Amino acid sequence: MKALHRAPMLALLAVTSCGIPATGVVEAGGPASGALPLTPVYFVENGRLAALPRHTGRPGDPTDALRLLIAGPLAGERGTDSTDGYTTELPLLPTAMAPPSAAVDVSGGSPSDPSGAAGSATDTPTVTVAGNVMTIRLPAGMAGLSDLGVRQLVCTATAAYRLTRPSTGALTVAVTGGGHLVRMSDARCPSR
């Protein structure tokens, strides 16, 4: 029976005494990286919201996700006269294709604008989050959105936010500006 107890110890000695010197931590480049998570962007298909995956440089940033939404469906995703496809209830704004900037972060401010008011002169919505309340501030060019258009904004922004905060509870979203003042829960959003 004693021989059985010695077997693991002998195996450990054999492995550790193979002539390889012990070393500490070896620095070998940056942190491991892989594919960035895809951000769900909600478009309209047959009168209902449908999420399409998009790459963004800042996963988890609702403002970047809204820029992708406002750019509209990609050419191959849009319907033609003979096929159904994805559409949007949002106006395509001239600056929607501008590259993402660090104007506003989800904590309500940035180093260049701690008040969180940056981006108000742009044609894209800005997003701030305080606790479980997300505020989407629309530019003047987005007046008169339909309920489905507002839901596109809410679902896209909250889905992006949850990419890096999956345990976040229900969010209440206030959509303001552009003649809107809507409050709704993201519970109305379809699952991806």
N, C-alpha and C. Protein backbone atom coordinates (compact mmCIF):
# COMPACT_ATOMS: atom_id res chain seq x y z
N MET A 1 0.82 -1.19 0.00
CA MET A 1 0.00 0.00 0.00
C MET A 1 0.86 1.25 0.00
N LYS A 2 2.02 1.18 0.68
CA LYS A 2 2.91 2.33 0.72
C LYS A 2 3.45 2.65 -0.68
N ALA A 3 3.62 1.66 -1.51
CA ALA A 3 4.13 1.86 -2.86
C ALA A 3 3.15 2.71 -3.68
N LEU A 4 1.85 2.54 -3.44
CA LEU A 4 0.84 3.34 -4.15
C LEU A 4 0.92 4.80 -3.76
N HIS A 5 1.24 5.09 -2.51
CA HIS A 5 1.35 6.47 -2.06
C HIS A 5 2.61 7.13 -2.61
N ARG A 6 3.63 6.35 -2.89
CA ARG A 6 4.89 6.90 -3.39
C ARG A 6 4.83 7.15 -4.90
N ALA A 7 3.96 6.51 -5.61
CA ALA A 7 3.91 6.63 -7.07
C ALA A 7 3.68 8.08 -7.52
N PRO A 8 2.72 8.81 -6.97
CA PRO A 8 2.55 10.21 -7.40
C PRO A 8 3.77 11.06 -7.11
N MET A 9 4.40 10.81 -5.95
CA MET A 9 5.58 11.59 -5.58
C MET A 9 6.73 11.31 -6.54
N LEU A 10 6.91 10.05 -6.92
CA LEU A 10 7.96 9.69 -7.87
C LEU A 10 7.69 10.31 -9.24
N ALA A 11 6.44 10.32 -9.65
CA ALA A 11 6.08 10.93 -10.94
C ALA A 11 6.36 12.43 -10.91
N LEU A 12 6.04 13.08 -9.81
CA LEU A 12 6.30 14.51 -9.67
C LEU A 12 7.79 14.80 -9.71
N LEU A 13 8.57 14.02 -9.03
CA LEU A 13 10.03 14.20 -9.04
C LEU A 13 10.59 13.99 -10.44
N ALA A 14 10.07 13.02 -11.16
CA ALA A 14 10.55 12.74 -12.51
C ALA A 14 10.27 13.91 -13.44
N VAL A 15 9.10 14.53 -13.31
CA VAL A 15 8.74 15.65 -14.17
C VAL A 15 9.53 16.90 -13.81
N THR A 16 9.69 17.16 -12.52
CA THR A 16 10.36 18.39 -12.11
C THR A 16 11.86 18.31 -12.20
N SER A 17 12.43 17.13 -12.33
CA SER A 17 13.88 17.03 -12.37
C SER A 17 14.38 16.70 -13.77
N CYS A 18 13.73 17.21 -14.78
CA CYS A 18 14.11 16.88 -16.14
C CYS A 18 15.15 17.83 -16.70
N GLY A 19 15.73 18.68 -15.87
CA GLY A 19 16.82 19.53 -16.33
C GLY A 19 16.38 20.89 -16.83
N ILE A 20 15.11 21.22 -16.76
CA ILE A 20 14.64 22.54 -17.19
C ILE A 20 14.67 23.46 -15.99
N PRO A 21 15.42 24.56 -16.09
CA PRO A 21 15.52 25.46 -14.94
C PRO A 21 14.20 26.18 -14.70
N ALA A 22 13.91 26.45 -13.45
CA ALA A 22 12.70 27.19 -13.08
C ALA A 22 12.89 28.66 -13.45
N THR A 23 11.86 29.27 -13.98
CA THR A 23 11.92 30.70 -14.32
C THR A 23 10.72 31.39 -13.74
N GLY A 24 10.78 32.70 -13.67
CA GLY A 24 9.65 33.50 -13.24
C GLY A 24 8.76 33.81 -14.43
N VAL A 25 8.00 34.83 -14.30
CA VAL A 25 7.11 35.26 -15.38
C VAL A 25 7.96 35.80 -16.53
N VAL A 26 7.68 35.34 -17.72
CA VAL A 26 8.39 35.80 -18.91
C VAL A 26 7.47 36.71 -19.70
N GLU A 27 7.85 37.97 -19.87
CA GLU A 27 7.06 38.92 -20.66
C GLU A 27 7.25 38.59 -22.13
N ALA A 28 6.15 38.40 -22.84
CA ALA A 28 6.25 38.05 -24.26
C ALA A 28 5.16 38.74 -25.05
N GLY A 29 5.17 40.06 -25.08
CA GLY A 29 4.19 40.80 -25.88
C GLY A 29 2.98 41.22 -25.07
N GLY A 30 1.95 41.69 -25.78
CA GLY A 30 0.75 42.21 -25.16
C GLY A 30 -0.19 41.10 -24.72
N PRO A 31 -1.34 41.51 -24.23
CA PRO A 31 -2.32 40.52 -23.79
C PRO A 31 -2.87 39.72 -24.97
N ALA A 32 -3.37 38.56 -24.66
CA ALA A 32 -3.97 37.73 -25.70
C ALA A 32 -5.16 38.47 -26.31
N SER A 33 -5.32 38.30 -27.58
CA SER A 33 -6.45 38.94 -28.24
C SER A 33 -7.11 37.94 -29.17
N GLY A 34 -8.29 38.25 -29.54
CA GLY A 34 -9.03 37.38 -30.44
C GLY A 34 -10.02 38.23 -31.20
N ALA A 35 -11.03 37.60 -31.69
CA ALA A 35 -12.04 38.33 -32.44
C ALA A 35 -12.86 39.20 -31.49
N LEU A 36 -13.10 40.41 -31.89
CA LEU A 36 -13.95 41.29 -31.09
C LEU A 36 -15.39 40.83 -31.20
N PRO A 37 -16.15 41.00 -30.12
CA PRO A 37 -17.56 40.58 -30.20
C PRO A 37 -18.31 41.42 -31.23
N LEU A 38 -19.26 40.82 -31.86
CA LEU A 38 -20.08 41.52 -32.84
C LEU A 38 -21.19 42.27 -32.12
N THR A 39 -21.44 43.48 -32.56
CA THR A 39 -22.48 44.32 -31.95
C THR A 39 -23.78 44.09 -32.71
N PRO A 40 -24.86 43.74 -32.00
CA PRO A 40 -26.14 43.59 -32.68
C PRO A 40 -26.74 44.96 -33.00
N VAL A 41 -27.09 45.16 -34.24
CA VAL A 41 -27.71 46.40 -34.69
C VAL A 41 -29.09 46.03 -35.22
N TYR A 42 -30.11 46.70 -34.73
CA TYR A 42 -31.49 46.33 -35.04
C TYR A 42 -32.05 47.10 -36.23
N PHE A 43 -32.36 46.36 -37.30
CA PHE A 43 -33.00 46.91 -38.48
C PHE A 43 -34.42 46.34 -38.53
N VAL A 44 -35.15 46.70 -39.56
CA VAL A 44 -36.54 46.27 -39.70
C VAL A 44 -36.61 45.27 -40.86
N GLU A 45 -37.28 44.16 -40.57
CA GLU A 45 -37.53 43.15 -41.61
C GLU A 45 -38.99 42.72 -41.48
N ASN A 46 -39.74 42.95 -42.53
CA ASN A 46 -41.16 42.60 -42.55
C ASN A 46 -41.92 43.21 -41.36
N GLY A 47 -41.61 44.45 -41.04
CA GLY A 47 -42.31 45.16 -39.98
C GLY A 47 -41.88 44.83 -38.56
N ARG A 48 -40.84 44.02 -38.41
CA ARG A 48 -40.35 43.63 -37.08
C ARG A 48 -38.86 43.93 -36.96
N LEU A 49 -38.42 44.09 -35.71
CA LEU A 49 -37.00 44.31 -35.47
C LEU A 49 -36.22 43.01 -35.63
N ALA A 50 -35.06 43.12 -36.26
CA ALA A 50 -34.17 41.97 -36.44
C ALA A 50 -32.74 42.46 -36.24
N ALA A 51 -31.97 41.73 -35.45
CA ALA A 51 -30.59 42.11 -35.16
C ALA A 51 -29.65 41.56 -36.23
N LEU A 52 -28.78 42.44 -36.72
CA LEU A 52 -27.72 42.04 -37.64
C LEU A 52 -26.39 42.32 -36.96
N PRO A 53 -25.43 41.41 -37.05
CA PRO A 53 -24.15 41.62 -36.37
C PRO A 53 -23.26 42.61 -37.12
N ARG A 54 -22.59 43.46 -36.37
CA ARG A 54 -21.67 44.45 -36.93
C ARG A 54 -20.39 44.50 -36.11
N HIS A 55 -19.28 44.78 -36.79
CA HIS A 55 -18.00 45.00 -36.11
C HIS A 55 -17.90 46.48 -35.77
N THR A 56 -17.40 46.77 -34.58
CA THR A 56 -17.13 48.14 -34.19
C THR A 56 -15.79 48.17 -33.47
N GLY A 57 -15.12 49.29 -33.55
CA GLY A 57 -13.84 49.43 -32.88
C GLY A 57 -13.96 49.48 -31.38
N ARG A 58 -15.16 49.78 -30.88
CA ARG A 58 -15.36 49.88 -29.44
C ARG A 58 -16.60 49.07 -29.03
N PRO A 59 -16.45 47.76 -28.92
CA PRO A 59 -17.59 46.94 -28.48
C PRO A 59 -18.08 47.42 -27.12
N GLY A 60 -19.36 47.44 -26.95
CA GLY A 60 -19.94 47.89 -25.68
C GLY A 60 -20.26 49.37 -25.66
N ASP A 61 -19.92 50.10 -26.73
CA ASP A 61 -20.18 51.54 -26.78
C ASP A 61 -21.47 51.78 -27.56
N PRO A 62 -22.55 52.20 -26.86
CA PRO A 62 -23.83 52.41 -27.53
C PRO A 62 -23.79 53.49 -28.61
N THR A 63 -22.98 54.53 -28.43
CA THR A 63 -22.91 55.60 -29.43
C THR A 63 -22.36 55.06 -30.74
N ASP A 64 -21.31 54.23 -30.67
CA ASP A 64 -20.77 53.62 -31.89
C ASP A 64 -21.80 52.72 -32.56
N ALA A 65 -22.54 51.97 -31.75
CA ALA A 65 -23.58 51.09 -32.31
C ALA A 65 -24.66 51.91 -33.03
N LEU A 66 -25.02 53.06 -32.47
CA LEU A 66 -26.03 53.91 -33.11
C LEU A 66 -25.51 54.49 -34.42
N ARG A 67 -24.22 54.78 -34.50
CA ARG A 67 -23.65 55.24 -35.77
C ARG A 67 -23.79 54.16 -36.85
N LEU A 68 -23.58 52.92 -36.45
CA LEU A 68 -23.75 51.81 -37.41
C LEU A 68 -25.21 51.68 -37.82
N LEU A 69 -26.12 51.87 -36.88
CA LEU A 69 -27.55 51.81 -37.18
C LEU A 69 -27.96 52.89 -38.17
N ILE A 70 -27.51 54.10 -37.92
CA ILE A 70 -27.90 55.23 -38.76
C ILE A 70 -27.29 55.12 -40.16
N ALA A 71 -26.20 54.40 -40.29
CA ALA A 71 -25.61 54.18 -41.62
C ALA A 71 -26.52 53.30 -42.48
N GLY A 72 -27.44 52.58 -41.83
CA GLY A 72 -28.41 51.75 -42.57
C GLY A 72 -27.89 50.37 -42.87
N PRO A 73 -28.75 49.53 -43.42
CA PRO A 73 -28.34 48.18 -43.80
C PRO A 73 -27.30 48.23 -44.92
N LEU A 74 -26.45 47.23 -44.95
CA LEU A 74 -25.45 47.15 -46.02
C LEU A 74 -26.16 46.87 -47.35
N ALA A 75 -25.49 47.17 -48.44
CA ALA A 75 -26.10 47.03 -49.77
C ALA A 75 -26.69 45.64 -50.00
N GLY A 76 -25.99 44.59 -49.63
CA GLY A 76 -26.47 43.23 -49.84
C GLY A 76 -27.61 42.82 -48.92
N GLU A 77 -27.87 43.62 -47.89
CA GLU A 77 -28.93 43.30 -46.94
C GLU A 77 -30.25 43.99 -47.28
N ARG A 78 -30.18 45.03 -48.08
CA ARG A 78 -31.39 45.78 -48.43
C ARG A 78 -32.23 44.99 -49.41
N GLY A 79 -33.52 45.17 -49.31
CA GLY A 79 -34.42 44.51 -50.25
C GLY A 79 -34.41 45.21 -51.60
N THR A 80 -34.85 44.49 -52.60
CA THR A 80 -35.02 45.06 -53.93
C THR A 80 -36.51 45.02 -54.25
N ASP A 81 -36.85 45.38 -55.44
CA ASP A 81 -38.26 45.34 -55.83
C ASP A 81 -38.83 43.93 -55.76
N SER A 82 -37.97 42.93 -55.97
CA SER A 82 -38.48 41.56 -56.01
C SER A 82 -38.18 40.76 -54.73
N THR A 83 -37.37 41.30 -53.82
CA THR A 83 -37.04 40.56 -52.59
C THR A 83 -37.23 41.44 -51.36
N ASP A 84 -37.61 40.77 -50.30
CA ASP A 84 -37.67 41.48 -49.03
C ASP A 84 -36.26 41.58 -48.48
N GLY A 85 -36.04 42.58 -47.68
CA GLY A 85 -34.73 42.75 -47.07
C GLY A 85 -34.87 43.60 -45.83
N TYR A 86 -33.76 44.11 -45.37
CA TYR A 86 -33.74 44.94 -44.17
C TYR A 86 -33.86 46.41 -44.54
N THR A 87 -34.61 47.12 -43.73
CA THR A 87 -34.79 48.56 -43.91
C THR A 87 -34.57 49.23 -42.56
N THR A 88 -34.75 50.52 -42.52
CA THR A 88 -34.67 51.25 -41.27
C THR A 88 -35.76 52.31 -41.23
N GLU A 89 -36.22 52.62 -40.04
CA GLU A 89 -37.20 53.68 -39.83
C GLU A 89 -36.51 55.00 -39.50
N LEU A 90 -35.18 55.01 -39.53
CA LEU A 90 -34.41 56.19 -39.17
C LEU A 90 -33.95 56.92 -40.43
N PRO A 91 -33.86 58.24 -40.36
CA PRO A 91 -33.32 58.97 -41.50
C PRO A 91 -31.83 58.71 -41.61
N LEU A 92 -31.34 58.53 -42.81
CA LEU A 92 -29.90 58.39 -43.01
C LEU A 92 -29.31 59.79 -43.03
N LEU A 93 -28.50 60.09 -42.05
CA LEU A 93 -27.96 61.44 -41.88
C LEU A 93 -26.60 61.56 -42.56
N PRO A 94 -26.25 62.77 -43.03
CA PRO A 94 -25.01 62.94 -43.79
C PRO A 94 -23.76 62.56 -43.03
N THR A 95 -23.70 62.72 -41.72
CA THR A 95 -22.48 62.40 -40.99
C THR A 95 -22.51 61.02 -40.38
N ALA A 96 -23.48 60.21 -40.75
CA ALA A 96 -23.61 58.89 -40.15
C ALA A 96 -22.41 58.01 -40.45
N MET A 97 -21.73 58.23 -41.55
CA MET A 97 -20.61 57.39 -41.92
C MET A 97 -19.30 57.88 -41.33
N ALA A 98 -19.31 58.96 -40.56
CA ALA A 98 -18.09 59.47 -39.96
C ALA A 98 -17.52 58.42 -39.02
N PRO A 99 -16.20 58.32 -38.95
CA PRO A 99 -15.61 57.33 -38.05
C PRO A 99 -15.95 57.64 -36.60
N PRO A 100 -16.08 56.61 -35.76
CA PRO A 100 -16.41 56.83 -34.36
C PRO A 100 -15.37 57.71 -33.68
N SER A 101 -15.83 58.55 -32.76
CA SER A 101 -14.92 59.39 -32.00
C SER A 101 -15.14 59.12 -30.53
N ALA A 102 -14.30 59.69 -29.71
CA ALA A 102 -14.40 59.51 -28.27
C ALA A 102 -15.20 60.64 -27.63
N ALA A 103 -16.17 61.20 -28.34
CA ALA A 103 -16.90 62.36 -27.85
C ALA A 103 -17.61 62.09 -26.53
N VAL A 104 -18.31 60.98 -26.41
CA VAL A 104 -19.05 60.70 -25.19
C VAL A 104 -18.88 59.24 -24.85
N ASP A 105 -18.55 58.95 -23.57
CA ASP A 105 -18.49 57.56 -23.19
C ASP A 105 -19.73 57.21 -22.39
N VAL A 106 -19.91 55.96 -22.11
CA VAL A 106 -21.13 55.52 -21.46
C VAL A 106 -21.22 55.91 -20.00
N SER A 107 -20.16 56.46 -19.44
CA SER A 107 -20.24 56.91 -18.06
C SER A 107 -20.75 58.34 -17.97
N GLY A 108 -20.99 58.97 -19.11
CA GLY A 108 -21.56 60.31 -19.10
C GLY A 108 -20.57 61.40 -19.41
N GLY A 109 -19.36 61.09 -19.73
CA GLY A 109 -18.40 62.14 -20.03
C GLY A 109 -17.16 61.53 -20.64
N SER A 110 -16.21 62.37 -20.97
CA SER A 110 -14.94 61.92 -21.51
C SER A 110 -13.88 62.88 -21.04
N PRO A 111 -12.62 62.52 -21.24
CA PRO A 111 -11.57 63.44 -20.82
C PRO A 111 -11.68 64.79 -21.50
N SER A 112 -12.14 64.81 -22.74
CA SER A 112 -12.26 66.09 -23.45
C SER A 112 -13.54 66.83 -23.08
N ASP A 113 -14.52 66.14 -22.51
CA ASP A 113 -15.78 66.78 -22.14
C ASP A 113 -16.40 66.05 -20.95
N PRO A 114 -15.98 66.38 -19.74
CA PRO A 114 -16.49 65.66 -18.58
C PRO A 114 -17.97 65.86 -18.34
N SER A 115 -18.58 66.84 -18.95
CA SER A 115 -20.01 67.07 -18.72
C SER A 115 -20.88 66.07 -19.46
N GLY A 116 -20.31 65.40 -20.46
CA GLY A 116 -21.11 64.45 -21.25
C GLY A 116 -21.94 65.14 -22.31
N ALA A 117 -21.72 66.43 -22.56
CA ALA A 117 -22.53 67.16 -23.53
C ALA A 117 -21.90 67.20 -24.91
N ALA A 118 -20.73 66.63 -25.09
CA ALA A 118 -20.08 66.65 -26.39
C ALA A 118 -20.94 65.92 -27.41
N GLY A 119 -20.76 66.26 -28.65
CA GLY A 119 -21.49 65.59 -29.70
C GLY A 119 -22.82 66.23 -29.99
N SER A 120 -23.22 67.25 -29.24
CA SER A 120 -24.52 67.85 -29.47
C SER A 120 -24.58 68.59 -30.79
N ALA A 121 -23.43 68.92 -31.35
CA ALA A 121 -23.41 69.61 -32.63
C ALA A 121 -23.34 68.63 -33.80
N THR A 122 -23.34 67.33 -33.52
CA THR A 122 -23.26 66.35 -34.60
C THR A 122 -24.64 65.93 -35.04
N ASP A 123 -24.67 65.12 -36.06
CA ASP A 123 -25.93 64.60 -36.58
C ASP A 123 -26.19 63.17 -36.12
N THR A 124 -25.48 62.71 -35.12
CA THR A 124 -25.72 61.37 -34.59
C THR A 124 -26.13 61.46 -33.14
N PRO A 125 -26.92 60.51 -32.67
CA PRO A 125 -27.33 60.53 -31.26
C PRO A 125 -26.14 60.32 -30.33
N THR A 126 -26.27 60.80 -29.11
CA THR A 126 -25.28 60.55 -28.07
C THR A 126 -25.96 59.78 -26.95
N VAL A 127 -25.19 59.02 -26.21
CA VAL A 127 -25.73 58.16 -25.17
C VAL A 127 -24.98 58.39 -23.87
N THR A 128 -25.73 58.50 -22.78
CA THR A 128 -25.15 58.52 -21.44
C THR A 128 -25.90 57.49 -20.60
N VAL A 129 -25.20 56.95 -19.61
CA VAL A 129 -25.81 55.97 -18.72
C VAL A 129 -25.50 56.37 -17.29
N ALA A 130 -26.54 56.39 -16.46
CA ALA A 130 -26.39 56.64 -15.03
C ALA A 130 -27.21 55.59 -14.30
N GLY A 131 -26.53 54.68 -13.64
CA GLY A 131 -27.24 53.58 -12.97
C GLY A 131 -27.92 52.69 -13.98
N ASN A 132 -29.22 52.50 -13.83
CA ASN A 132 -29.96 51.67 -14.78
C ASN A 132 -30.81 52.51 -15.74
N VAL A 133 -30.41 53.79 -15.92
CA VAL A 133 -31.12 54.68 -16.85
C VAL A 133 -30.16 55.10 -17.97
N MET A 134 -30.55 54.81 -19.18
CA MET A 134 -29.79 55.21 -20.36
C MET A 134 -30.55 56.35 -21.02
N THR A 135 -29.83 57.40 -21.41
CA THR A 135 -30.44 58.52 -22.12
C THR A 135 -29.84 58.59 -23.51
N ILE A 136 -30.70 58.57 -24.51
CA ILE A 136 -30.28 58.74 -25.91
C ILE A 136 -30.77 60.12 -26.33
N ARG A 137 -29.83 61.01 -26.63
CA ARG A 137 -30.16 62.37 -27.05
C ARG A 137 -30.06 62.44 -28.57
N LEU A 138 -31.19 62.75 -29.21
CA LEU A 138 -31.26 62.78 -30.67
C LEU A 138 -30.91 64.16 -31.22
N PRO A 139 -30.30 64.21 -32.40
CA PRO A 139 -30.08 65.49 -33.07
C PRO A 139 -31.39 66.00 -33.68
N ALA A 140 -31.40 67.25 -34.06
CA ALA A 140 -32.61 67.87 -34.62
C ALA A 140 -33.09 67.15 -35.88
N GLY A 141 -32.21 66.55 -36.65
CA GLY A 141 -32.58 65.88 -37.90
C GLY A 141 -33.36 64.60 -37.72
N MET A 142 -33.63 64.21 -36.48
CA MET A 142 -34.34 62.96 -36.24
C MET A 142 -35.73 63.20 -35.66
N ALA A 143 -36.34 64.30 -36.01
CA ALA A 143 -37.70 64.60 -35.52
C ALA A 143 -38.70 63.65 -36.17
N GLY A 144 -39.76 63.33 -35.45
CA GLY A 144 -40.87 62.57 -36.01
C GLY A 144 -40.61 61.10 -36.23
N LEU A 145 -39.83 60.45 -35.37
CA LEU A 145 -39.59 59.02 -35.53
C LEU A 145 -40.82 58.21 -35.18
N SER A 146 -41.00 57.11 -35.86
CA SER A 146 -42.09 56.19 -35.54
C SER A 146 -41.72 55.40 -34.28
N ASP A 147 -42.70 54.70 -33.72
CA ASP A 147 -42.43 53.86 -32.57
C ASP A 147 -41.38 52.81 -32.91
N LEU A 148 -41.45 52.25 -34.10
CA LEU A 148 -40.48 51.24 -34.53
C LEU A 148 -39.08 51.85 -34.64
N GLY A 149 -38.99 53.07 -35.12
CA GLY A 149 -37.70 53.76 -35.20
C GLY A 149 -37.09 54.00 -33.83
N VAL A 150 -37.93 54.40 -32.88
CA VAL A 150 -37.45 54.60 -31.50
C VAL A 150 -36.98 53.28 -30.93
N ARG A 151 -37.72 52.20 -31.18
CA ARG A 151 -37.31 50.88 -30.69
C ARG A 151 -36.01 50.42 -31.32
N GLN A 152 -35.76 50.77 -32.59
CA GLN A 152 -34.47 50.45 -33.21
C GLN A 152 -33.34 51.09 -32.41
N LEU A 153 -33.50 52.36 -32.06
CA LEU A 153 -32.49 53.07 -31.29
C LEU A 153 -32.27 52.41 -29.92
N VAL A 154 -33.37 52.19 -29.21
CA VAL A 154 -33.31 51.63 -27.85
C VAL A 154 -32.68 50.25 -27.86
N CYS A 155 -33.12 49.38 -28.73
CA CYS A 155 -32.62 48.01 -28.75
C CYS A 155 -31.16 47.94 -29.18
N THR A 156 -30.77 48.75 -30.14
CA THR A 156 -29.37 48.76 -30.58
C THR A 156 -28.47 49.28 -29.48
N ALA A 157 -28.83 50.40 -28.86
CA ALA A 157 -27.99 51.00 -27.82
C ALA A 157 -27.87 50.08 -26.60
N THR A 158 -28.98 49.49 -26.16
CA THR A 158 -28.91 48.65 -24.97
C THR A 158 -28.19 47.33 -25.24
N ALA A 159 -28.37 46.76 -26.43
CA ALA A 159 -27.67 45.52 -26.77
C ALA A 159 -26.16 45.76 -26.81
N ALA A 160 -25.74 46.89 -27.35
CA ALA A 160 -24.30 47.22 -27.38
C ALA A 160 -23.78 47.39 -25.96
N TYR A 161 -24.52 48.09 -25.14
CA TYR A 161 -24.11 48.33 -23.76
C TYR A 161 -23.92 47.01 -23.00
N ARG A 162 -24.80 46.06 -23.24
CA ARG A 162 -24.75 44.78 -22.54
C ARG A 162 -23.61 43.88 -23.01
N LEU A 163 -23.00 44.17 -24.16
CA LEU A 163 -21.88 43.34 -24.62
C LEU A 163 -20.78 43.27 -23.57
N THR A 164 -20.49 44.38 -22.93
CA THR A 164 -19.43 44.41 -21.94
C THR A 164 -19.97 44.43 -20.51
N ARG A 165 -21.28 44.38 -20.37
CA ARG A 165 -21.92 44.37 -19.05
C ARG A 165 -23.09 43.39 -19.07
N PRO A 166 -22.83 42.10 -19.30
CA PRO A 166 -23.92 41.14 -19.49
C PRO A 166 -24.83 40.95 -18.28
N SER A 167 -24.36 41.26 -17.09
CA SER A 167 -25.20 41.04 -15.91
C SER A 167 -26.06 42.25 -15.55
N THR A 168 -26.04 43.28 -16.40
CA THR A 168 -26.86 44.46 -16.16
C THR A 168 -28.34 44.08 -16.17
N GLY A 169 -29.08 44.58 -15.18
CA GLY A 169 -30.52 44.33 -15.12
C GLY A 169 -31.23 45.14 -16.19
N ALA A 170 -32.55 45.17 -16.10
CA ALA A 170 -33.35 45.90 -17.07
C ALA A 170 -32.95 47.37 -17.07
N LEU A 171 -32.88 47.95 -18.24
CA LEU A 171 -32.55 49.36 -18.40
C LEU A 171 -33.80 50.14 -18.78
N THR A 172 -33.94 51.30 -18.19
CA THR A 172 -34.97 52.24 -18.62
C THR A 172 -34.26 53.21 -19.56
N VAL A 173 -34.84 53.41 -20.72
CA VAL A 173 -34.21 54.26 -21.72
C VAL A 173 -35.08 55.48 -21.97
N ALA A 174 -34.46 56.65 -21.86
CA ALA A 174 -35.13 57.91 -22.17
C ALA A 174 -34.58 58.40 -23.50
N VAL A 175 -35.45 58.59 -24.48
CA VAL A 175 -35.06 59.12 -25.78
C VAL A 175 -35.54 60.57 -25.80
N THR A 176 -34.58 61.50 -25.93
CA THR A 176 -34.90 62.92 -25.89
C THR A 176 -34.34 63.63 -27.12
N GLY A 177 -34.84 64.82 -27.37
CA GLY A 177 -34.36 65.63 -28.50
C GLY A 177 -35.11 65.30 -29.77
N GLY A 178 -34.94 66.13 -30.77
CA GLY A 178 -35.62 65.91 -32.04
C GLY A 178 -37.13 65.89 -31.90
N GLY A 179 -37.66 66.54 -30.86
CA GLY A 179 -39.10 66.57 -30.64
C GLY A 179 -39.63 65.35 -29.90
N HIS A 180 -38.73 64.51 -29.37
CA HIS A 180 -39.13 63.28 -28.68
C HIS A 180 -38.89 63.39 -27.19
N LEU A 181 -39.72 62.74 -26.44
CA LEU A 181 -39.48 62.45 -25.04
C LEU A 181 -40.20 61.14 -24.77
N VAL A 182 -39.46 60.06 -24.91
CA VAL A 182 -40.01 58.72 -24.77
C VAL A 182 -39.22 58.00 -23.69
N ARG A 183 -39.92 57.30 -22.81
CA ARG A 183 -39.28 56.45 -21.81
C ARG A 183 -39.81 55.04 -22.02
N MET A 184 -38.90 54.09 -22.11
CA MET A 184 -39.31 52.70 -22.27
C MET A 184 -38.24 51.79 -21.70
N SER A 185 -38.62 50.56 -21.42
CA SER A 185 -37.69 49.56 -20.93
C SER A 185 -37.14 48.78 -22.12
N ASP A 186 -35.92 48.31 -21.98
CA ASP A 186 -35.37 47.49 -23.05
C ASP A 186 -35.96 46.08 -23.04
N ALA A 187 -36.88 45.81 -22.13
CA ALA A 187 -37.57 44.52 -22.10
C ALA A 187 -38.42 44.31 -23.35
N ARG A 188 -38.74 45.39 -24.05
CA ARG A 188 -39.53 45.31 -25.29
C ARG A 188 -38.68 44.88 -26.49
N CYS A 189 -37.38 44.76 -26.28
CA CYS A 189 -36.49 44.40 -27.39
C CYS A 189 -36.50 42.89 -27.61
N PRO A 190 -36.49 42.48 -28.88
CA PRO A 190 -36.43 41.03 -29.15
C PRO A 190 -35.08 40.47 -28.74
N SER A 191 -35.07 39.22 -28.37
CA SER A 191 -33.78 38.59 -28.05
C SER A 191 -33.03 38.39 -29.36
N ARG A 192 -31.72 38.38 -29.25
CA ARG A 192 -30.89 38.28 -30.44
C ARG A 192 -30.94 36.93 -30.98
